[in-house]
Amino acid sequence: MKTFTIYAIYEDGKLRPLTPLPCEDKEQVLLKVVRQSVVQKSQGLLQGLDPAVVQEVAEGDEFSVLA
């Protein structure tokens, strides 16, 4: 069984793949749905920044949901 991972958007009660699928029309497939966390969705957004700045933002009170 060949497996692959794709990203999809759930809208109007249907999953819409963000990339074409290598499947035949009307081919039955097995899906495993994994919800992405906010951390996963924002991965890579802070590339190129000084690690000290990233740490300061992550640990600071300005953007904390706990403050």
PDB file of N, CA and C in Angstrom:
ATOM      1  N   MET A   1       0.847  -1.173   0.000  1.00  0.00           N
ATOM      2  CA  MET A   1       0.000   0.000   0.000  1.00  0.00           C
ATOM      3  C   MET A   1       0.891   1.235   0.000  1.00  0.00           C
ATOM      4  N   LYS A   2       0.741   2.083  -0.973  1.00  0.00           N
ATOM      5  CA  LYS A   2       1.524   3.308  -1.059  1.00  0.00           C
ATOM      6  C   LYS A   2       0.854   4.386  -0.221  1.00  0.00           C
ATOM      7  N   THR A   3       1.644   5.093   0.589  1.00  0.00           N
ATOM      8  CA  THR A   3       1.106   6.187   1.393  1.00  0.00           C
ATOM      9  C   THR A   3       1.847   7.477   1.076  1.00  0.00           C
ATOM     10  N   PHE A   4       1.179   8.591   1.285  1.00  0.00           N
ATOM     11  CA  PHE A   4       1.786   9.896   1.111  1.00  0.00           C
ATOM     12  C   PHE A   4       1.035  10.879   1.986  1.00  0.00           C
ATOM     13  N   THR A   5       1.671  11.990   2.273  1.00  0.00           N
ATOM     14  CA  THR A   5       1.082  13.011   3.123  1.00  0.00           C
ATOM     15  C   THR A   5       0.810  14.262   2.304  1.00  0.00           C
ATOM     16  N   ILE A   6      -0.384  14.810   2.468  1.00  0.00           N
ATOM     17  CA  ILE A   6      -0.753  16.051   1.794  1.00  0.00           C
ATOM     18  C   ILE A   6      -1.428  16.964   2.803  1.00  0.00           C
ATOM     19  N   TYR A   7      -1.526  18.217   2.482  1.00  0.00           N
ATOM     20  CA  TYR A   7      -2.288  19.158   3.290  1.00  0.00           C
ATOM     21  C   TYR A   7      -3.618  19.411   2.593  1.00  0.00           C
ATOM     22  N   ALA A   8      -4.658  19.619   3.399  1.00  0.00           N
ATOM     23  CA  ALA A   8      -5.986  19.882   2.859  1.00  0.00           C
ATOM     24  C   ALA A   8      -6.686  20.902   3.749  1.00  0.00           C
ATOM     25  N   ILE A   9      -7.696  21.534   3.190  1.00  0.00           N
ATOM     26  CA  ILE A   9      -8.537  22.474   3.914  1.00  0.00           C
ATOM     27  C   ILE A   9      -9.918  21.853   4.045  1.00  0.00           C
ATOM     28  N   TYR A  10     -10.494  21.937   5.241  1.00  0.00           N
ATOM     29  CA  TYR A  10     -11.864  21.457   5.449  1.00  0.00           C
ATOM     30  C   TYR A  10     -12.796  22.651   5.314  1.00  0.00           C
ATOM     31  N   GLU A  11     -13.683  22.602   4.345  1.00  0.00           N
ATOM     32  CA  GLU A  11     -14.640  23.690   4.138  1.00  0.00           C
ATOM     33  C   GLU A  11     -15.927  23.137   3.560  1.00  0.00           C
ATOM     34  N   ASP A  12     -17.025  23.680   4.029  1.00  0.00           N
ATOM     35  CA  ASP A  12     -18.355  23.272   3.556  1.00  0.00           C
ATOM     36  C   ASP A  12     -18.565  21.760   3.651  1.00  0.00           C
ATOM     37  N   GLY A  13     -18.023  21.149   4.709  1.00  0.00           N
ATOM     38  CA  GLY A  13     -18.235  19.724   4.924  1.00  0.00           C
ATOM     39  C   GLY A  13     -17.383  18.802   4.074  1.00  0.00           C
ATOM     40  N   LYS A  14     -16.389  19.358   3.375  1.00  0.00           N
ATOM     41  CA  LYS A  14     -15.538  18.539   2.501  1.00  0.00           C
ATOM     42  C   LYS A  14     -14.072  18.877   2.712  1.00  0.00           C
ATOM     43  N   LEU A  15     -13.212  17.883   2.517  1.00  0.00           N
ATOM     44  CA  LEU A  15     -11.770  18.117   2.532  1.00  0.00           C
ATOM     45  C   LEU A  15     -11.323  18.468   1.119  1.00  0.00           C
ATOM     46  N   ARG A  16     -10.595  19.587   0.992  1.00  0.00           N
ATOM     47  CA  ARG A  16     -10.094  20.021  -0.312  1.00  0.00           C
ATOM     48  C   ARG A  16      -8.565  19.966  -0.276  1.00  0.00           C
ATOM     49  N   PRO A  17      -7.968  19.028  -1.034  1.00  0.00           N
ATOM     50  CA  PRO A  17      -6.502  18.926  -1.066  1.00  0.00           C
ATOM     51  C   PRO A  17      -5.875  20.207  -1.598  1.00  0.00           C
ATOM     52  N   LEU A  18      -4.719  20.576  -1.032  1.00  0.00           N
ATOM     53  CA  LEU A  18      -4.013  21.767  -1.496  1.00  0.00           C
ATOM     54  C   LEU A  18      -3.068  21.453  -2.653  1.00  0.00           C
ATOM     55  N   THR A  19      -2.877  20.174  -2.929  1.00  0.00           N
ATOM     56  CA  THR A  19      -2.069  19.736  -4.071  1.00  0.00           C
ATOM     57  C   THR A  19      -2.825  18.615  -4.785  1.00  0.00           C
ATOM     58  N   PRO A  20      -2.555  18.409  -6.060  1.00  0.00           N
ATOM     59  CA  PRO A  20      -3.226  17.314  -6.778  1.00  0.00           C
ATOM     60  C   PRO A  20      -2.882  15.956  -6.163  1.00  0.00           C
ATOM     61  N   LEU A  21      -3.835  15.052  -6.199  1.00  0.00           N
ATOM     62  CA  LEU A  21      -3.627  13.700  -5.685  1.00  0.00           C
ATOM     63  C   LEU A  21      -3.336  12.741  -6.832  1.00  0.00           C
ATOM     64  N   PRO A  22      -2.415  11.807  -6.620  1.00  0.00           N
ATOM     65  CA  PRO A  22      -2.115  10.817  -7.655  1.00  0.00           C
ATOM     66  C   PRO A  22      -3.093   9.644  -7.592  1.00  0.00           C
ATOM     67  N   CYS A  23      -4.382   9.957  -7.713  1.00  0.00           N
ATOM     68  CA  CYS A  23      -5.425   8.928  -7.600  1.00  0.00           C
ATOM     69  C   CYS A  23      -6.292   8.917  -8.857  1.00  0.00           C
ATOM     70  N   GLU A  24      -6.898   7.780  -9.084  1.00  0.00           N
ATOM     71  CA  GLU A  24      -7.846   7.655 -10.190  1.00  0.00           C
ATOM     72  C   GLU A  24      -9.190   8.243  -9.768  1.00  0.00           C
ATOM     73  N   ASP A  25      -9.981   8.689 -10.723  1.00  0.00           N
ATOM     74  CA  ASP A  25     -11.316   9.193 -10.447  1.00  0.00           C
ATOM     75  C   ASP A  25     -12.138   8.099  -9.762  1.00  0.00           C
ATOM     76  N   LYS A  26     -12.808   8.446  -8.677  1.00  0.00           N
ATOM     77  CA  LYS A  26     -13.677   7.561  -7.888  1.00  0.00           C
ATOM     78  C   LYS A  26     -12.913   6.463  -7.143  1.00  0.00           C
ATOM     79  N   GLU A  27     -11.589   6.583  -7.063  1.00  0.00           N
ATOM     80  CA  GLU A  27     -10.795   5.620  -6.318  1.00  0.00           C
ATOM     81  C   GLU A  27     -11.054   5.815  -4.820  1.00  0.00           C
ATOM     82  N   GLN A  28     -11.279   4.727  -4.123  1.00  0.00           N
ATOM     83  CA  GLN A  28     -11.514   4.786  -2.686  1.00  0.00           C
ATOM     84  C   GLN A  28     -10.169   4.822  -1.958  1.00  0.00           C
ATOM     85  N   VAL A  29     -10.047   5.733  -0.967  1.00  0.00           N
ATOM     86  CA  VAL A  29      -8.808   5.870  -0.206  1.00  0.00           C
ATOM     87  C   VAL A  29      -9.139   5.864   1.283  1.00  0.00           C
ATOM     88  N   LEU A  30      -8.124   5.648   2.099  1.00  0.00           N
ATOM     89  CA  LEU A  30      -8.254   5.690   3.550  1.00  0.00           C
ATOM     90  C   LEU A  30      -7.594   6.974   4.039  1.00  0.00           C
ATOM     91  N   LEU A  31      -8.324   7.771   4.821  1.00  0.00           N
ATOM     92  CA  LEU A  31      -7.794   9.037   5.314  1.00  0.00           C
ATOM     93  C   LEU A  31      -7.511   8.963   6.807  1.00  0.00           C
ATOM     94  N   LYS A  32      -6.438   9.616   7.226  1.00  0.00           N
ATOM     95  CA  LYS A  32      -6.141   9.819   8.637  1.00  0.00           C
ATOM     96  C   LYS A  32      -6.027  11.329   8.807  1.00  0.00           C
ATOM     97  N   VAL A  33      -6.924  11.934   9.572  1.00  0.00           N
ATOM     98  CA  VAL A  33      -6.955  13.381   9.730  1.00  0.00           C
ATOM     99  C   VAL A  33      -6.173  13.764  10.985  1.00  0.00           C
ATOM    100  N   VAL A  34      -5.211  14.660  10.817  1.00  0.00           N
ATOM    101  CA  VAL A  34      -4.405  15.170  11.926  1.00  0.00           C
ATOM    102  C   VAL A  34      -4.547  16.683  11.925  1.00  0.00           C
ATOM    103  N   ARG A  35      -5.101  17.235  12.992  1.00  0.00           N
ATOM    104  CA  ARG A  35      -5.253  18.683  13.070  1.00  0.00           C
ATOM    105  C   ARG A  35      -3.909  19.324  13.374  1.00  0.00           C
ATOM    106  N   GLN A  36      -3.621  20.430  12.716  1.00  0.00           N
ATOM    107  CA  GLN A  36      -2.377  21.158  12.944  1.00  0.00           C
ATOM    108  C   GLN A  36      -2.550  22.140  14.091  1.00  0.00           C
ATOM    109  N   SER A  37      -1.551  22.213  14.948  1.00  0.00           N
ATOM    110  CA  SER A  37      -1.579  23.194  16.020  1.00  0.00           C
ATOM    111  C   SER A  37      -1.118  24.538  15.472  1.00  0.00           C
ATOM    112  N   VAL A  38      -1.323  25.581  16.241  1.00  0.00           N
ATOM    113  CA  VAL A  38      -0.874  26.912  15.849  1.00  0.00           C
ATOM    114  C   VAL A  38       0.645  26.916  15.687  1.00  0.00           C
ATOM    115  N   VAL A  39       1.332  26.174  16.537  1.00  0.00           N
ATOM    116  CA  VAL A  39       2.793  26.104  16.442  1.00  0.00           C
ATOM    117  C   VAL A  39       3.202  25.506  15.103  1.00  0.00           C
ATOM    118  N   GLN A  40       2.560  24.427  14.680  1.00  0.00           N
ATOM    119  CA  GLN A  40       2.887  23.803  13.402  1.00  0.00           C
ATOM    120  C   GLN A  40       2.581  24.743  12.242  1.00  0.00           C
ATOM    121  N   LYS A  41       1.470  25.456  12.316  1.00  0.00           N
ATOM    122  CA  LYS A  41       1.089  26.360  11.234  1.00  0.00           C
ATOM    123  C   LYS A  41       2.065  27.519  11.087  1.00  0.00           C
ATOM    124  N   SER A  42       2.654  27.950  12.196  1.00  0.00           N
ATOM    125  CA  SER A  42       3.551  29.103  12.147  1.00  0.00           C
ATOM    126  C   SER A  42       5.017  28.708  12.009  1.00  0.00           C
ATOM    127  N   GLN A  43       5.281  27.428  11.876  1.00  0.00           N
ATOM    128  CA  GLN A  43       6.654  26.952  11.753  1.00  0.00           C
ATOM    129  C   GLN A  43       7.351  27.624  10.561  1.00  0.00           C
ATOM    130  N   GLY A  44       8.531  28.158  10.794  1.00  0.00           N
ATOM    131  CA  GLY A  44       9.316  28.775   9.730  1.00  0.00           C
ATOM    132  C   GLY A  44       9.085  30.264   9.545  1.00  0.00           C
ATOM    133  N   LEU A  45       8.117  30.851  10.244  1.00  0.00           N
ATOM    134  CA  LEU A  45       7.834  32.272  10.054  1.00  0.00           C
ATOM    135  C   LEU A  45       8.932  33.169  10.615  1.00  0.00           C
ATOM    136  N   LEU A  46       9.685  32.673  11.580  1.00  0.00           N
ATOM    137  CA  LEU A  46      10.709  33.491  12.217  1.00  0.00           C
ATOM    138  C   LEU A  46      12.112  33.193  11.696  1.00  0.00           C
ATOM    139  N   GLN A  47      12.224  32.609  10.537  1.00  0.00           N
ATOM    140  CA  GLN A  47      13.531  32.293   9.968  1.00  0.00           C
ATOM    141  C   GLN A  47      14.320  33.563   9.726  1.00  0.00           C
ATOM    142  N   GLY A  48      15.615  33.489  10.008  1.00  0.00           N
ATOM    143  CA  GLY A  48      16.489  34.618   9.746  1.00  0.00           C
ATOM    144  C   GLY A  48      16.620  35.585  10.908  1.00  0.00           C
ATOM    145  N   LEU A  49      15.799  35.385  11.953  1.00  0.00           N
ATOM    146  CA  LEU A  49      15.904  36.259  13.117  1.00  0.00           C
ATOM    147  C   LEU A  49      16.950  35.727  14.088  1.00  0.00           C
ATOM    148  N   ASP A  50      17.522  36.624  14.836  1.00  0.00           N
ATOM    149  CA  ASP A  50      18.485  36.264  15.866  1.00  0.00           C
ATOM    150  C   ASP A  50      17.786  35.352  16.888  1.00  0.00           C
ATOM    151  N   PRO A  51      18.360  34.200  17.217  1.00  0.00           N
ATOM    152  CA  PRO A  51      17.744  33.286  18.178  1.00  0.00           C
ATOM    153  C   PRO A  51      17.414  33.950  19.516  1.00  0.00           C
ATOM    154  N   ALA A  52      18.206  34.925  19.939  1.00  0.00           N
ATOM    155  CA  ALA A  52      17.927  35.629  21.195  1.00  0.00           C
ATOM    156  C   ALA A  52      16.627  36.420  21.094  1.00  0.00           C
ATOM    157  N   VAL A  53      16.364  37.018  19.933  1.00  0.00           N
ATOM    158  CA  VAL A  53      15.123  37.766  19.723  1.00  0.00           C
ATOM    159  C   VAL A  53      13.931  36.818  19.739  1.00  0.00           C
ATOM    160  N   VAL A  54      14.059  35.688  19.081  1.00  0.00           N
ATOM    161  CA  VAL A  54      12.981  34.696  19.057  1.00  0.00           C
ATOM    162  C   VAL A  54      12.681  34.225  20.481  1.00  0.00           C
ATOM    163  N   GLN A  55      13.722  33.960  21.252  1.00  0.00           N
ATOM    164  CA  GLN A  55      13.530  33.515  22.639  1.00  0.00           C
ATOM    165  C   GLN A  55      12.855  34.607  23.467  1.00  0.00           C
ATOM    166  N   GLU A  56      13.269  35.852  23.278  1.00  0.00           N
ATOM    167  CA  GLU A  56      12.677  36.969  24.015  1.00  0.00           C
ATOM    168  C   GLU A  56      11.182  37.094  23.716  1.00  0.00           C
ATOM    169  N   VAL A  57      10.813  36.963  22.447  1.00  0.00           N
ATOM    170  CA  VAL A  57       9.401  37.038  22.057  1.00  0.00           C
ATOM    171  C   VAL A  57       8.626  35.860  22.639  1.00  0.00           C
ATOM    172  N   ALA A  58       9.208  34.675  22.561  1.00  0.00           N
ATOM    173  CA  ALA A  58       8.519  33.477  23.040  1.00  0.00           C
ATOM    174  C   ALA A  58       8.304  33.491  24.544  1.00  0.00           C
ATOM    175  N   GLU A  59       9.273  34.045  25.272  1.00  0.00           N
ATOM    176  CA  GLU A  59       9.202  34.024  26.734  1.00  0.00           C
ATOM    177  C   GLU A  59       8.654  35.315  27.336  1.00  0.00           C
ATOM    178  N   GLY A  60       8.507  36.363  26.552  1.00  0.00           N
ATOM    179  CA  GLY A  60       8.068  37.662  27.052  1.00  0.00           C
ATOM    180  C   GLY A  60       6.584  37.703  27.349  1.00  0.00           C
ATOM    181  N   ASP A  61       6.190  38.704  28.135  1.00  0.00           N
ATOM    182  CA  ASP A  61       4.780  38.868  28.530  1.00  0.00           C
ATOM    183  C   ASP A  61       3.947  39.575  27.457  1.00  0.00           C
ATOM    184  N   GLU A  62       4.591  40.294  26.566  1.00  0.00           N
ATOM    185  CA  GLU A  62       3.850  41.101  25.586  1.00  0.00           C
ATOM    186  C   GLU A  62       2.877  40.264  24.749  1.00  0.00           C
ATOM    187  N   PHE A  63       3.276  39.062  24.350  1.00  0.00           N
ATOM    188  CA  PHE A  63       2.436  38.224  23.490  1.00  0.00           C
ATOM    189  C   PHE A  63       1.882  37.008  24.230  1.00  0.00           C
ATOM    190  N   SER A  64       2.031  36.982  25.542  1.00  0.00           N
ATOM    191  CA  SER A  64       1.596  35.833  26.330  1.00  0.00           C
ATOM    192  C   SER A  64       0.080  35.827  26.501  1.00  0.00           C
ATOM    193  N   VAL A  65      -0.509  34.659  26.415  1.00  0.00           N
ATOM    194  CA  VAL A  65      -1.931  34.515  26.694  1.00  0.00           C
ATOM    195  C   VAL A  65      -2.180  34.413  28.187  1.00  0.00           C
ATOM    196  N   LEU A  66      -1.104  34.280  28.963  1.00  0.00           N
ATOM    197  CA  LEU A  66      -1.210  34.143  30.407  1.00  0.00           C
ATOM    198  C   LEU A  66      -1.103  35.487  31.128  1.00  0.00           C
ATOM    199  N   ALA A  67      -0.626  36.506  30.451  1.00  0.00           N
ATOM    200  CA  ALA A  67      -0.409  37.798  31.106  1.00  0.00           C
ATOM    201  C   ALA A  67      -1.705  38.557  31.277  1.00  0.00           C
TER     202      ALA A  67
END
